[in-house]
Amino acid sequence: MVGLRPTDVPPTAAVKFIGAGTAACIADLITFPLDTAKVRLQVQGECQRGEGAARSAGVQYRGVFGTIAAMVRTEGPRSLYSGLVAGLQRQMSFASVRIGLYDSVKNFYTNGAEHAGIGCRLLAGCTTGAMAVTFAQPTDVVKVRFQAQVNMLGTSKRYSGTMNAYKTIAREEGVRGLWKGTGPNITRNAIVNCAELVTYDIIKDTILKYKLLTDNLPCHFVSAFGAGFCTTVVASPVDVVKTRYMNSAPGQYRSAFNCAYLMLTKEGAMAFYKGFVPSFLRLGSWNVVMFVTYEQLKRGIMMAKQSWEVPF
């Protein structure tokens, strides 16, 4: 091991697991307001009907920056980071699995072969995406609830804090309430994981294969940006349904399919792409920050491991 550069030694599964969770938290801290704006735009259509009207307080949002400005004006700047604690909990339990274990699962499906086909990459992405939801679903539900609630200045909040949200949902809706939307969330994250990781994987491999760039920051930036755009295009419809269903009051929708059907019949097909711009701004910037940070953390941890001989 002495004299080897960090790029000469492949990072272990533990290094990737820790690095992915840490990088995802850093990306969330930077892009969280965009995610909150996306959620508000996604649920806006239903706020004019039934129980949603009471929660919406009649607030109308126009565009990502208009949404952010309206939230700051009516609810204060802190509203942009409502649900951040649950969001960071989600990333540590979610990204660590879906991103950190992707290479290990991919190697399992290919029996350790050096080159993986598109089928194995897609299968690995679906697998780690579904595994991640199993661990992180309650944190996702709480995050969405915080982001979607409208708290006018001087009014009481739906939940007093993150732990109170977990307890309140479990008490009022049962434990199943914390796992609400698991089906669409698994679908959404399987799609996101495949689009995000597989696209990043393929773009990066292509760049390195044809020696367009070296395995460094510019290569990681281009690969991550491309992955963010592709992910937004394919995942937006399921993401909107997931957000609506997670945020819905008990009995508002019979199922995720019923939610999608009502969206289509009452709001039209374009409802499935509500919040597309903030979704892309968030996913594009999130992917760039996350993957660039992740690649650097992997190298940094491996350098520390070699220097200190830590038995990861």
C-alpha atoms as a PDB file:
ATOM      1  CA  MET A   1       0.000   0.000   0.000  1.00  0.00           C
ATOM      2  CA  VAL A   2       2.951   2.329   0.603  1.00  0.00           C
ATOM      3  CA  GLY A   3       3.625   4.689  -2.294  1.00  0.00           C
ATOM      4  CA  LEU A   4       0.244   4.132  -3.951  1.00  0.00           C
ATOM      5  CA  ARG A   5      -1.924   7.080  -4.887  1.00  0.00           C
ATOM      6  CA  PRO A   6      -5.532   7.077  -3.609  1.00  0.00           C
ATOM      7  CA  THR A   7      -6.771   6.559  -7.175  1.00  0.00           C
ATOM      8  CA  ASP A   8      -4.690   3.355  -7.413  1.00  0.00           C
ATOM      9  CA  VAL A   9      -6.674   1.650  -4.658  1.00  0.00           C
ATOM     10  CA  PRO A  10     -10.444   1.247  -5.127  1.00  0.00           C
ATOM     11  CA  PRO A  11     -12.469   2.558  -2.176  1.00  0.00           C
ATOM     12  CA  THR A  12     -14.176  -0.034  -0.012  1.00  0.00           C
ATOM     13  CA  ALA A  13     -17.943  -0.342   0.474  1.00  0.00           C
ATOM     14  CA  ALA A  14     -17.631   1.314   3.898  1.00  0.00           C
ATOM     15  CA  VAL A  15     -15.812   4.302   2.402  1.00  0.00           C
ATOM     16  CA  LYS A  16     -18.501   4.691  -0.272  1.00  0.00           C
ATOM     17  CA  PHE A  17     -21.293   4.281   2.288  1.00  0.00           C
ATOM     18  CA  ILE A  18     -19.943   6.999   4.581  1.00  0.00           C
ATOM     19  CA  GLY A  19     -18.890   9.248   1.722  1.00  0.00           C
ATOM     20  CA  ALA A  20     -22.275   9.053  -0.038  1.00  0.00           C
ATOM     21  CA  GLY A  21     -24.246   9.960   3.102  1.00  0.00           C
ATOM     22  CA  THR A  22     -21.947  12.859   3.953  1.00  0.00           C
ATOM     23  CA  ALA A  23     -21.908  14.212   0.387  1.00  0.00           C
ATOM     24  CA  ALA A  24     -25.708  13.968   0.147  1.00  0.00           C
ATOM     25  CA  CYS A  25     -26.126  15.964   3.377  1.00  0.00           C
ATOM     26  CA  ILE A  26     -23.826  18.700   2.063  1.00  0.00           C
ATOM     27  CA  ALA A  27     -25.796  18.805  -1.205  1.00  0.00           C
ATOM     28  CA  ASP A  28     -29.092  19.007   0.729  1.00  0.00           C
ATOM     29  CA  LEU A  29     -27.864  21.921   2.849  1.00  0.00           C
ATOM     30  CA  ILE A  30     -27.096  23.896  -0.308  1.00  0.00           C
ATOM     31  CA  THR A  31     -30.151  23.008  -2.416  1.00  0.00           C
ATOM     32  CA  PHE A  32     -32.915  22.574   0.207  1.00  0.00           C
ATOM     33  CA  PRO A  33     -34.792  25.828  -0.622  1.00  0.00           C
ATOM     34  CA  LEU A  34     -35.169  24.647  -4.226  1.00  0.00           C
ATOM     35  CA  ASP A  35     -36.567  21.344  -2.994  1.00  0.00           C
ATOM     36  CA  THR A  36     -39.055  23.152  -0.754  1.00  0.00           C
ATOM     37  CA  ALA A  37     -40.165  25.353  -3.665  1.00  0.00           C
ATOM     38  CA  LYS A  38     -40.619  22.217  -5.788  1.00  0.00           C
ATOM     39  CA  VAL A  39     -42.858  20.606  -3.152  1.00  0.00           C
ATOM     40  CA  ARG A  40     -45.007  23.756  -2.811  1.00  0.00           C
ATOM     41  CA  LEU A  41     -45.517  23.913  -6.589  1.00  0.00           C
ATOM     42  CA  GLN A  42     -46.302  20.196  -6.767  1.00  0.00           C
ATOM     43  CA  VAL A  43     -49.072  20.348  -4.157  1.00  0.00           C
ATOM     44  CA  GLN A  44     -50.491  23.702  -5.266  1.00  0.00           C
ATOM     45  CA  GLY A  45     -53.163  22.284  -7.588  1.00  0.00           C
ATOM     46  CA  GLU A  46     -54.791  20.179  -4.895  1.00  0.00           C
ATOM     47  CA  CYS A  47     -54.843  23.112  -2.482  1.00  0.00           C
ATOM     48  CA  GLN A  48     -57.977  24.433  -4.207  1.00  0.00           C
ATOM     49  CA  ARG A  49     -60.022  21.350  -3.386  1.00  0.00           C
ATOM     50  CA  GLY A  50     -61.377  19.749  -0.233  1.00  0.00           C
ATOM     51  CA  GLU A  51     -59.242  19.597   2.875  1.00  0.00           C
ATOM     52  CA  GLY A  52     -56.219  20.914   1.017  1.00  0.00           C
ATOM     53  CA  ALA A  53     -57.829  24.339   0.830  1.00  0.00           C
ATOM     54  CA  ALA A  54     -57.573  24.726   4.578  1.00  0.00           C
ATOM     55  CA  ARG A  55     -53.890  23.947   4.494  1.00  0.00           C
ATOM     56  CA  SER A  56     -53.074  26.199   1.579  1.00  0.00           C
ATOM     57  CA  ALA A  57     -54.473  29.464   2.988  1.00  0.00           C
ATOM     58  CA  GLY A  58     -55.066  30.486  -0.641  1.00  0.00           C
ATOM     59  CA  VAL A  59     -51.375  31.109  -1.377  1.00  0.00           C
ATOM     60  CA  GLN A  60     -50.581  30.955  -5.097  1.00  0.00           C
ATOM     61  CA  TYR A  61     -47.041  30.356  -6.348  1.00  0.00           C
ATOM     62  CA  ARG A  62     -45.629  31.304  -9.735  1.00  0.00           C
ATOM     63  CA  GLY A  63     -42.283  29.834 -10.720  1.00  0.00           C
ATOM     64  CA  VAL A  64     -39.422  28.732  -8.548  1.00  0.00           C
ATOM     65  CA  PHE A  65     -38.111  32.180  -7.634  1.00  0.00           C
ATOM     66  CA  GLY A  66     -41.630  33.569  -7.224  1.00  0.00           C
ATOM     67  CA  THR A  67     -42.385  30.712  -4.839  1.00  0.00           C
ATOM     68  CA  ILE A  68     -39.243  31.374  -2.805  1.00  0.00           C
ATOM     69  CA  ALA A  69     -40.008  35.114  -2.684  1.00  0.00           C
ATOM     70  CA  ALA A  70     -43.621  34.488  -1.625  1.00  0.00           C
ATOM     71  CA  MET A  71     -42.537  32.106   1.136  1.00  0.00           C
ATOM     72  CA  VAL A  72     -39.975  34.559   2.505  1.00  0.00           C
ATOM     73  CA  ARG A  73     -42.512  37.390   2.402  1.00  0.00           C
ATOM     74  CA  THR A  74     -45.407  35.544   4.058  1.00  0.00           C
ATOM     75  CA  GLU A  75     -43.671  32.938   6.241  1.00  0.00           C
ATOM     76  CA  GLY A  76     -40.160  34.218   6.782  1.00  0.00           C
ATOM     77  CA  PRO A  77     -36.775  32.992   5.454  1.00  0.00           C
ATOM     78  CA  ARG A  78     -36.692  29.996   7.813  1.00  0.00           C
ATOM     79  CA  SER A  79     -39.642  28.461   5.947  1.00  0.00           C
ATOM     80  CA  LEU A  80     -37.291  27.620   3.070  1.00  0.00           C
ATOM     81  CA  TYR A  81     -35.521  25.169   5.374  1.00  0.00           C
ATOM     82  CA  SER A  82     -38.640  23.713   7.004  1.00  0.00           C
ATOM     83  CA  GLY A  83     -38.063  19.968   7.317  1.00  0.00           C
ATOM     84  CA  LEU A  84     -34.277  20.228   7.012  1.00  0.00           C
ATOM     85  CA  VAL A  85     -33.620  17.992  10.033  1.00  0.00           C
ATOM     86  CA  ALA A  86     -35.775  15.220   8.574  1.00  0.00           C
ATOM     87  CA  GLY A  87     -34.126  15.877   5.208  1.00  0.00           C
ATOM     88  CA  LEU A  88     -30.645  15.318   6.641  1.00  0.00           C
ATOM     89  CA  GLN A  89     -31.862  12.213   8.477  1.00  0.00           C
ATOM     90  CA  ARG A  90     -33.249  11.002   5.161  1.00  0.00           C
ATOM     91  CA  GLN A  91     -29.986  11.558   3.297  1.00  0.00           C
ATOM     92  CA  MET A  92     -27.833   9.798   5.905  1.00  0.00           C
ATOM     93  CA  SER A  93     -30.078   6.723   5.825  1.00  0.00           C
ATOM     94  CA  PHE A  94     -31.094   6.983   2.175  1.00  0.00           C
ATOM     95  CA  ALA A  95     -28.159   8.175   0.076  1.00  0.00           C
ATOM     96  CA  SER A  96     -25.727   5.990   2.009  1.00  0.00           C
ATOM     97  CA  VAL A  97     -27.630   2.931   0.783  1.00  0.00           C
ATOM     98  CA  ARG A  98     -28.740   3.900  -2.721  1.00  0.00           C
ATOM     99  CA  ILE A  99     -25.464   5.547  -3.770  1.00  0.00           C
ATOM    100  CA  GLY A 100     -22.901   4.070  -1.403  1.00  0.00           C
ATOM    101  CA  LEU A 101     -23.874   0.455  -2.104  1.00  0.00           C
ATOM    102  CA  TYR A 102     -24.508   0.860  -5.856  1.00  0.00           C
ATOM    103  CA  ASP A 103     -21.061  -0.306  -6.970  1.00  0.00           C
ATOM    104  CA  SER A 104     -21.119  -3.270  -4.570  1.00  0.00           C
ATOM    105  CA  VAL A 105     -24.533  -4.417  -5.804  1.00  0.00           C
ATOM    106  CA  LYS A 106     -23.474  -3.875  -9.421  1.00  0.00           C
ATOM    107  CA  ASN A 107     -20.387  -6.032  -8.849  1.00  0.00           C
ATOM    108  CA  PHE A 108     -22.597  -8.684  -7.230  1.00  0.00           C
ATOM    109  CA  TYR A 109     -24.825  -8.874 -10.312  1.00  0.00           C
ATOM    110  CA  THR A 110     -21.830  -9.020 -12.665  1.00  0.00           C
ATOM    111  CA  ASN A 111     -19.914 -11.527 -10.504  1.00  0.00           C
ATOM    112  CA  GLY A 112     -17.063  -9.042 -10.239  1.00  0.00           C
ATOM    113  CA  ALA A 113     -16.661  -8.508 -13.998  1.00  0.00           C
ATOM    114  CA  GLU A 114     -14.756  -5.360 -14.923  1.00  0.00           C
ATOM    115  CA  HIS A 115     -17.367  -4.071 -17.383  1.00  0.00           C
ATOM    116  CA  ALA A 116     -21.061  -4.017 -16.485  1.00  0.00           C
ATOM    117  CA  GLY A 117     -23.800  -3.983 -19.104  1.00  0.00           C
ATOM    118  CA  ILE A 118     -26.706  -1.545 -19.052  1.00  0.00           C
ATOM    119  CA  GLY A 119     -29.023  -4.273 -17.741  1.00  0.00           C
ATOM    120  CA  CYS A 120     -26.869  -4.943 -14.683  1.00  0.00           C
ATOM    121  CA  ARG A 121     -26.504  -1.235 -14.005  1.00  0.00           C
ATOM    122  CA  LEU A 122     -30.267  -0.702 -14.167  1.00  0.00           C
ATOM    123  CA  LEU A 123     -30.891  -3.707 -11.932  1.00  0.00           C
ATOM    124  CA  ALA A 124     -28.354  -2.456  -9.385  1.00  0.00           C
ATOM    125  CA  GLY A 125     -29.959   1.001  -9.423  1.00  0.00           C
ATOM    126  CA  CYS A 126     -33.444  -0.429  -8.860  1.00  0.00           C
ATOM    127  CA  THR A 127     -32.175  -2.664  -6.063  1.00  0.00           C
ATOM    128  CA  THR A 128     -30.375  -0.002  -4.032  1.00  0.00           C
ATOM    129  CA  GLY A 129     -33.175   2.501  -4.638  1.00  0.00           C
ATOM    130  CA  ALA A 130     -35.775   0.091  -3.230  1.00  0.00           C
ATOM    131  CA  MET A 131     -33.504  -0.855  -0.310  1.00  0.00           C
ATOM    132  CA  ALA A 132     -33.019   2.806   0.571  1.00  0.00           C
ATOM    133  CA  VAL A 133     -36.764   3.484   0.728  1.00  0.00           C
ATOM    134  CA  THR A 134     -37.126   0.603   3.183  1.00  0.00           C
ATOM    135  CA  PHE A 135     -34.864   2.444   5.632  1.00  0.00           C
ATOM    136  CA  ALA A 136     -35.757   6.068   4.945  1.00  0.00           C
ATOM    137  CA  GLN A 137     -39.515   6.230   4.225  1.00  0.00           C
ATOM    138  CA  PRO A 138     -40.593   7.797   7.571  1.00  0.00           C
ATOM    139  CA  THR A 139     -37.992  10.551   7.223  1.00  0.00           C
ATOM    140  CA  ASP A 140     -39.241  11.312   3.713  1.00  0.00           C
ATOM    141  CA  VAL A 141     -42.868  11.564   4.877  1.00  0.00           C
ATOM    142  CA  VAL A 142     -41.947  14.004   7.657  1.00  0.00           C
ATOM    143  CA  LYS A 143     -39.747  16.081   5.349  1.00  0.00           C
ATOM    144  CA  VAL A 144     -42.535  16.462   2.780  1.00  0.00           C
ATOM    145  CA  ARG A 145     -45.107  17.335   5.475  1.00  0.00           C
ATOM    146  CA  PHE A 146     -42.889  20.129   6.800  1.00  0.00           C
ATOM    147  CA  GLN A 147     -42.124  21.479   3.333  1.00  0.00           C
ATOM    148  CA  ALA A 148     -45.763  21.452   2.223  1.00  0.00           C
ATOM    149  CA  GLN A 149     -47.296  23.098   5.301  1.00  0.00           C
ATOM    150  CA  VAL A 150     -48.023  26.787   4.974  1.00  0.00           C
ATOM    151  CA  ASN A 151     -47.232  28.687   8.177  1.00  0.00           C
ATOM    152  CA  MET A 152     -48.270  32.313   7.896  1.00  0.00           C
ATOM    153  CA  LEU A 153     -46.260  34.599  10.171  1.00  0.00           C
ATOM    154  CA  GLY A 154     -47.708  34.545  13.681  1.00  0.00           C
ATOM    155  CA  THR A 155     -49.799  31.378  13.208  1.00  0.00           C
ATOM    156  CA  SER A 156     -49.329  27.985  14.858  1.00  0.00           C
ATOM    157  CA  LYS A 157     -47.451  25.219  13.095  1.00  0.00           C
ATOM    158  CA  ARG A 158     -48.818  21.830  12.136  1.00  0.00           C
ATOM    159  CA  TYR A 159     -45.910  20.146  13.959  1.00  0.00           C
ATOM    160  CA  SER A 160     -43.755  21.718  16.670  1.00  0.00           C
ATOM    161  CA  GLY A 161     -40.615  19.811  15.684  1.00  0.00           C
ATOM    162  CA  THR A 162     -39.233  16.791  13.886  1.00  0.00           C
ATOM    163  CA  MET A 163     -39.738  14.292  16.707  1.00  0.00           C
ATOM    164  CA  ASN A 164     -43.198  15.733  17.356  1.00  0.00           C
ATOM    165  CA  ALA A 165     -44.037  15.118  13.691  1.00  0.00           C
ATOM    166  CA  TYR A 166     -43.029  11.439  13.914  1.00  0.00           C
ATOM    167  CA  LYS A 167     -45.087  11.004  17.110  1.00  0.00           C
ATOM    168  CA  THR A 168     -48.109  12.947  15.830  1.00  0.00           C
ATOM    169  CA  ILE A 169     -48.303  11.067  12.542  1.00  0.00           C
ATOM    170  CA  ALA A 170     -47.961   7.720  14.322  1.00  0.00           C
ATOM    171  CA  ARG A 171     -50.624   8.681  16.885  1.00  0.00           C
ATOM    172  CA  GLU A 172     -53.161  10.162  14.444  1.00  0.00           C
ATOM    173  CA  GLU A 173     -52.620   7.933  11.402  1.00  0.00           C
ATOM    174  CA  GLY A 174     -51.018   4.864  12.926  1.00  0.00           C
ATOM    175  CA  VAL A 175     -47.554   3.518  12.180  1.00  0.00           C
ATOM    176  CA  ARG A 176     -48.688   3.016   8.583  1.00  0.00           C
ATOM    177  CA  GLY A 177     -48.911   6.798   8.305  1.00  0.00           C
ATOM    178  CA  LEU A 178     -45.114   7.003   8.533  1.00  0.00           C
ATOM    179  CA  TRP A 179     -44.898   4.591   5.620  1.00  0.00           C
ATOM    180  CA  LYS A 180     -47.508   6.380   3.530  1.00  0.00           C
ATOM    181  CA  GLY A 181     -46.632   6.454  -0.146  1.00  0.00           C
ATOM    182  CA  THR A 182     -44.063   3.649   0.085  1.00  0.00           C
ATOM    183  CA  GLY A 183     -45.246   2.183  -3.232  1.00  0.00           C
ATOM    184  CA  PRO A 184     -44.893   5.360  -5.326  1.00  0.00           C
ATOM    185  CA  ASN A 185     -41.721   6.237  -3.405  1.00  0.00           C
ATOM    186  CA  ILE A 186     -40.112   2.896  -4.285  1.00  0.00           C
ATOM    187  CA  THR A 187     -41.149   3.440  -7.915  1.00  0.00           C
ATOM    188  CA  ARG A 188     -39.888   6.998  -7.876  1.00  0.00           C
ATOM    189  CA  ASN A 189     -36.564   6.153  -6.277  1.00  0.00           C
ATOM    190  CA  ALA A 190     -35.979   3.116  -8.469  1.00  0.00           C
ATOM    191  CA  ILE A 191     -36.428   5.435 -11.469  1.00  0.00           C
ATOM    192  CA  VAL A 192     -34.343   8.210  -9.914  1.00  0.00           C
ATOM    193  CA  ASN A 193     -31.588   5.835  -8.894  1.00  0.00           C
ATOM    194  CA  CYS A 194     -31.421   4.247 -12.328  1.00  0.00           C
ATOM    195  CA  ALA A 195     -31.520   7.566 -14.165  1.00  0.00           C
ATOM    196  CA  GLU A 196     -29.128   9.280 -11.765  1.00  0.00           C
ATOM    197  CA  LEU A 197     -26.489   6.644 -11.075  1.00  0.00           C
ATOM    198  CA  VAL A 198     -26.619   4.791 -14.392  1.00  0.00           C
ATOM    199  CA  THR A 199     -26.513   8.026 -16.411  1.00  0.00           C
ATOM    200  CA  TYR A 200     -23.642   9.356 -14.294  1.00  0.00           C
ATOM    201  CA  ASP A 201     -21.883   6.000 -14.639  1.00  0.00           C
ATOM    202  CA  ILE A 202     -22.309   5.879 -18.423  1.00  0.00           C
ATOM    203  CA  ILE A 203     -21.383   9.527 -19.073  1.00  0.00           C
ATOM    204  CA  LYS A 204     -18.301   9.267 -16.869  1.00  0.00           C
ATOM    205  CA  ASP A 205     -17.204   5.966 -18.441  1.00  0.00           C
ATOM    206  CA  THR A 206     -17.675   7.409 -21.953  1.00  0.00           C
ATOM    207  CA  ILE A 207     -15.669  10.544 -21.124  1.00  0.00           C
ATOM    208  CA  LEU A 208     -12.830   8.473 -19.680  1.00  0.00           C
ATOM    209  CA  LYS A 209     -12.967   5.857 -22.452  1.00  0.00           C
ATOM    210  CA  TYR A 210     -12.488   8.440 -25.193  1.00  0.00           C
ATOM    211  CA  LYS A 211     -10.115  10.498 -23.015  1.00  0.00           C
ATOM    212  CA  LEU A 212     -12.223  13.647 -23.364  1.00  0.00           C
ATOM    213  CA  LEU A 213     -11.359  14.533 -19.762  1.00  0.00           C
ATOM    214  CA  THR A 214      -9.373  12.984 -16.961  1.00  0.00           C
ATOM    215  CA  ASP A 215     -11.005  11.455 -13.889  1.00  0.00           C
ATOM    216  CA  ASN A 216     -11.208  14.743 -12.058  1.00  0.00           C
ATOM    217  CA  LEU A 217     -13.560  17.595 -11.156  1.00  0.00           C
ATOM    218  CA  PRO A 218     -14.544  18.706 -14.725  1.00  0.00           C
ATOM    219  CA  CYS A 219     -15.413  15.122 -15.630  1.00  0.00           C
ATOM    220  CA  HIS A 220     -17.452  14.685 -12.459  1.00  0.00           C
ATOM    221  CA  PHE A 221     -19.239  18.021 -13.048  1.00  0.00           C
ATOM    222  CA  VAL A 222     -20.304  17.196 -16.618  1.00  0.00           C
ATOM    223  CA  SER A 223     -21.406  13.678 -15.667  1.00  0.00           C
ATOM    224  CA  ALA A 224     -23.408  14.914 -12.669  1.00  0.00           C
ATOM    225  CA  PHE A 225     -25.144  17.703 -14.608  1.00  0.00           C
ATOM    226  CA  GLY A 226     -26.194  15.284 -17.357  1.00  0.00           C
ATOM    227  CA  ALA A 227     -27.456  12.830 -14.754  1.00  0.00           C
ATOM    228  CA  GLY A 228     -29.521  15.563 -13.073  1.00  0.00           C
ATOM    229  CA  PHE A 229     -31.278  16.549 -16.297  1.00  0.00           C
ATOM    230  CA  CYS A 230     -32.090  12.977 -17.356  1.00  0.00           C
ATOM    231  CA  THR A 231     -33.355  12.159 -13.866  1.00  0.00           C
ATOM    232  CA  THR A 232     -35.693  15.166 -13.766  1.00  0.00           C
ATOM    233  CA  VAL A 233     -37.263  14.299 -17.128  1.00  0.00           C
ATOM    234  CA  VAL A 234     -38.040  10.659 -16.329  1.00  0.00           C
ATOM    235  CA  ALA A 235     -38.855  10.976 -12.621  1.00  0.00           C
ATOM    236  CA  SER A 236     -41.027  14.111 -12.402  1.00  0.00           C
ATOM    237  CA  PRO A 237     -44.448  12.416 -12.903  1.00  0.00           C
ATOM    238  CA  VAL A 238     -43.859   9.845 -10.161  1.00  0.00           C
ATOM    239  CA  ASP A 239     -42.282  12.486  -7.919  1.00  0.00           C
ATOM    240  CA  VAL A 240     -45.365  14.720  -8.114  1.00  0.00           C
ATOM    241  CA  VAL A 241     -47.706  11.812  -7.301  1.00  0.00           C
ATOM    242  CA  LYS A 242     -45.451  10.750  -4.407  1.00  0.00           C
ATOM    243  CA  THR A 243     -45.431  14.267  -2.951  1.00  0.00           C
ATOM    244  CA  ARG A 244     -49.203  14.713  -3.284  1.00  0.00           C
ATOM    245  CA  TYR A 245     -49.946  11.322  -1.741  1.00  0.00           C
ATOM    246  CA  MET A 246     -47.508  11.700   1.169  1.00  0.00           C
ATOM    247  CA  ASN A 247     -48.886  15.129   2.021  1.00  0.00           C
ATOM    248  CA  SER A 248     -52.577  14.162   1.691  1.00  0.00           C
ATOM    249  CA  ALA A 249     -55.011  14.031   4.597  1.00  0.00           C
ATOM    250  CA  PRO A 250     -56.326  10.590   5.626  1.00  0.00           C
ATOM    251  CA  GLY A 251     -58.982   9.475   3.125  1.00  0.00           C
ATOM    252  CA  GLN A 252     -58.214  12.207   0.577  1.00  0.00           C
ATOM    253  CA  TYR A 253     -56.981   9.595  -1.914  1.00  0.00           C
ATOM    254  CA  ARG A 254     -57.823   5.901  -1.962  1.00  0.00           C
ATOM    255  CA  SER A 255     -54.375   5.025  -3.297  1.00  0.00           C
ATOM    256  CA  ALA A 256     -51.438   6.455  -5.206  1.00  0.00           C
ATOM    257  CA  PHE A 257     -53.113   5.361  -8.449  1.00  0.00           C
ATOM    258  CA  ASN A 258     -56.284   7.209  -7.428  1.00  0.00           C
ATOM    259  CA  CYS A 259     -54.156  10.290  -6.732  1.00  0.00           C
ATOM    260  CA  ALA A 260     -52.607  10.061 -10.206  1.00  0.00           C
ATOM    261  CA  TYR A 261     -56.039   9.529 -11.806  1.00  0.00           C
ATOM    262  CA  LEU A 262     -57.545  12.585 -10.098  1.00  0.00           C
ATOM    263  CA  MET A 263     -54.561  14.680 -11.126  1.00  0.00           C
ATOM    264  CA  LEU A 264     -54.956  13.607 -14.746  1.00  0.00           C
ATOM    265  CA  THR A 265     -58.732  14.129 -14.913  1.00  0.00           C
ATOM    266  CA  LYS A 266     -58.958  17.377 -12.930  1.00  0.00           C
ATOM    267  CA  GLU A 267     -55.687  19.121 -13.772  1.00  0.00           C
ATOM    268  CA  GLY A 268     -54.529  17.558 -17.014  1.00  0.00           C
ATOM    269  CA  ALA A 269     -51.367  15.722 -18.035  1.00  0.00           C
ATOM    270  CA  MET A 270     -49.133  18.739 -17.407  1.00  0.00           C
ATOM    271  CA  ALA A 271     -49.904  18.426 -13.680  1.00  0.00           C
ATOM    272  CA  PHE A 272     -47.381  15.583 -13.612  1.00  0.00           C
ATOM    273  CA  TYR A 273     -44.662  18.081 -14.488  1.00  0.00           C
ATOM    274  CA  LYS A 274     -45.590  20.728 -11.933  1.00  0.00           C
ATOM    275  CA  GLY A 275     -42.467  22.089 -10.324  1.00  0.00           C
ATOM    276  CA  PHE A 276     -40.270  20.859 -13.211  1.00  0.00           C
ATOM    277  CA  VAL A 277     -37.986  23.919 -13.221  1.00  0.00           C
ATOM    278  CA  PRO A 278     -37.221  23.819  -9.485  1.00  0.00           C
ATOM    279  CA  SER A 279     -36.929  20.040  -9.759  1.00  0.00           C
ATOM    280  CA  PHE A 280     -34.274  20.422 -12.437  1.00  0.00           C
ATOM    281  CA  LEU A 281     -32.523  23.284 -10.660  1.00  0.00           C
ATOM    282  CA  ARG A 282     -32.512  21.244  -7.483  1.00  0.00           C
ATOM    283  CA  LEU A 283     -31.579  17.873  -8.997  1.00  0.00           C
ATOM    284  CA  GLY A 284     -29.003  19.404 -11.337  1.00  0.00           C
ATOM    285  CA  SER A 285     -27.286  21.387  -8.593  1.00  0.00           C
ATOM    286  CA  TRP A 286     -27.786  18.562  -6.051  1.00  0.00           C
ATOM    287  CA  ASN A 287     -26.152  16.032  -8.372  1.00  0.00           C
ATOM    288  CA  VAL A 288     -23.230  18.329  -9.123  1.00  0.00           C
ATOM    289  CA  VAL A 289     -22.567  19.086  -5.442  1.00  0.00           C
ATOM    290  CA  MET A 290     -23.191  15.512  -4.317  1.00  0.00           C
ATOM    291  CA  PHE A 291     -21.140  13.646  -6.941  1.00  0.00           C
ATOM    292  CA  VAL A 292     -18.231  16.115  -6.915  1.00  0.00           C
ATOM    293  CA  THR A 293     -18.155  16.004  -3.102  1.00  0.00           C
ATOM    294  CA  TYR A 294     -18.592  12.219  -3.098  1.00  0.00           C
ATOM    295  CA  GLU A 295     -15.667  11.666  -5.466  1.00  0.00           C
ATOM    296  CA  GLN A 296     -13.443  13.949  -3.414  1.00  0.00           C
ATOM    297  CA  LEU A 297     -14.498  12.381  -0.116  1.00  0.00           C
ATOM    298  CA  LYS A 298     -13.716   8.903  -1.446  1.00  0.00           C
ATOM    299  CA  ARG A 299     -10.224  10.029  -2.377  1.00  0.00           C
ATOM    300  CA  GLY A 300      -9.737  11.869   0.901  1.00  0.00           C
ATOM    301  CA  ILE A 301     -10.873   8.908   3.005  1.00  0.00           C
ATOM    302  CA  MET A 302      -8.651   6.529   1.039  1.00  0.00           C
ATOM    303  CA  MET A 303      -5.676   8.861   1.515  1.00  0.00           C
ATOM    304  CA  ALA A 304      -6.382   8.942   5.258  1.00  0.00           C
ATOM    305  CA  LYS A 305      -6.730   5.169   5.317  1.00  0.00           C
ATOM    306  CA  GLN A 306      -3.365   4.715   3.616  1.00  0.00           C
ATOM    307  CA  SER A 307      -1.666   7.310   5.829  1.00  0.00           C
ATOM    308  CA  TRP A 308      -3.097   6.033   9.099  1.00  0.00           C
ATOM    309  CA  GLU A 309      -3.570   2.411   8.052  1.00  0.00           C
ATOM    310  CA  VAL A 310      -7.182   2.502   9.307  1.00  0.00           C
ATOM    311  CA  PRO A 311      -8.818  -0.933   8.819  1.00  0.00           C
ATOM    312  CA  PHE A 312     -11.966   0.147   6.901  1.00  0.00           C
END
